[in-house]
Amino acid sequence: MNEARAICPQCRREVVFPAGSPLAKCPNCEFEFKRETSQGAEKPNANSDWNVLLKPLVKMTLVIAVIMLVGAAIVYAGCAALLATH
């Protein structure tokens, strides 16, 4: 059978939900509790539209920053070498 089951928060025993009812009553301790569904709590999709657009932009920005840093280091080293020879 495909009945919804849960663990009673009070006595930690398995409880079966009646069909169509969001409430369950534990037969052992008479504790009544609600069934929580995970349908409303969706995880953000790793391949959402924003991530698809932002990943390449971040990579391009990092590549450009590294190229500029290497270029600045080369210019600095070249200037230091030229000034050292005079």
Protein backbone atom coordinates (compact mmCIF):
# COMPACT_ATOMS: atom_id res chain seq x y z
CA MET A 1 0.00 0.00 0.00
CA ASN A 2 1.10 3.57 -0.72
CA GLU A 3 0.12 5.17 2.57
CA ALA A 4 2.01 8.15 3.89
CA ARG A 5 4.16 7.25 6.88
CA ALA A 6 6.03 9.33 9.43
CA ILE A 7 7.88 9.00 12.72
CA CYS A 8 6.09 10.27 15.82
CA PRO A 9 8.14 13.14 17.29
CA GLN A 10 7.26 12.12 20.82
CA CYS A 11 7.70 8.33 21.04
CA ARG A 12 9.72 7.81 17.80
CA ARG A 13 7.45 5.08 16.41
CA GLU A 14 6.18 4.83 12.85
CA VAL A 15 2.72 6.34 12.23
CA VAL A 16 0.51 5.92 9.16
CA PHE A 17 -1.41 8.96 7.92
CA PRO A 18 -5.08 8.40 7.06
CA ALA A 19 -5.79 8.94 3.36
CA GLY A 20 -6.36 12.62 2.57
CA SER A 21 -5.64 13.83 6.09
CA PRO A 22 -2.70 16.09 6.94
CA LEU A 23 -2.94 15.05 10.61
CA ALA A 24 -1.64 11.86 12.18
CA LYS A 25 -2.35 10.51 15.63
CA CYS A 26 0.13 8.16 17.22
CA PRO A 27 -1.62 4.99 18.45
CA ASN A 28 0.94 4.56 21.25
CA CYS A 29 1.16 7.99 22.89
CA GLU A 30 -1.92 9.69 21.37
CA PHE A 31 0.26 12.58 20.15
CA GLU A 32 -1.27 14.40 17.16
CA PHE A 33 0.98 16.08 14.60
CA LYS A 34 0.94 17.45 11.06
CA ARG A 35 2.55 15.90 8.07
CA GLU A 36 5.16 18.19 6.55
CA THR A 37 5.54 18.09 2.80
CA SER A 38 8.74 18.94 1.00
CA GLN A 39 6.93 20.22 -2.10
CA GLY A 40 7.06 23.87 -1.04
CA ALA A 41 10.74 23.82 -0.13
CA GLU A 42 12.43 23.59 -3.49
CA LYS A 43 16.17 23.72 -3.81
CA PRO A 44 17.57 26.35 -6.12
CA ASN A 45 18.49 24.85 -9.44
CA ALA A 46 22.21 24.92 -10.12
CA ASN A 47 21.50 25.37 -13.84
CA SER A 48 19.07 28.27 -13.53
CA ASP A 49 19.12 31.03 -16.12
CA TRP A 50 21.13 33.38 -13.91
CA ASN A 51 23.80 30.79 -13.18
CA VAL A 52 24.11 29.96 -16.87
CA LEU A 53 24.71 33.65 -17.60
CA LEU A 54 26.87 34.49 -14.60
CA LYS A 55 29.35 31.60 -14.74
CA PRO A 56 30.88 32.59 -18.11
CA LEU A 57 30.91 36.28 -17.11
CA VAL A 58 32.75 35.52 -13.87
CA LYS A 59 35.25 33.31 -15.72
CA MET A 60 35.86 35.99 -18.37
CA THR A 61 36.34 38.64 -15.68
CA LEU A 62 38.86 36.48 -13.85
CA VAL A 63 40.77 35.73 -17.06
CA ILE A 64 40.91 39.43 -17.95
CA ALA A 65 42.06 40.32 -14.42
CA VAL A 66 44.86 37.72 -14.59
CA ILE A 67 45.97 38.95 -18.02
CA MET A 68 46.04 42.55 -16.75
CA LEU A 69 47.99 41.53 -13.65
CA VAL A 70 50.56 39.64 -15.71
CA GLY A 71 50.82 42.58 -18.12
CA ALA A 72 51.36 45.02 -15.25
CA ALA A 73 54.04 42.75 -13.80
CA ILE A 74 55.82 42.60 -17.17
CA VAL A 75 55.70 46.40 -17.56
CA TYR A 76 56.97 46.87 -13.99
CA ALA A 77 59.81 44.40 -14.54
CA GLY A 78 60.69 46.06 -17.86
CA CYS A 79 60.75 49.53 -16.33
CA ALA A 80 62.83 48.32 -13.41
CA ALA A 81 65.30 46.70 -15.81
CA LEU A 82 65.55 49.86 -17.91
CA LEU A 83 66.07 52.10 -14.91
CA ALA A 84 68.68 49.78 -13.42
CA THR A 85 70.86 50.00 -16.53
CA HIS A 86 71.21 53.79 -16.43
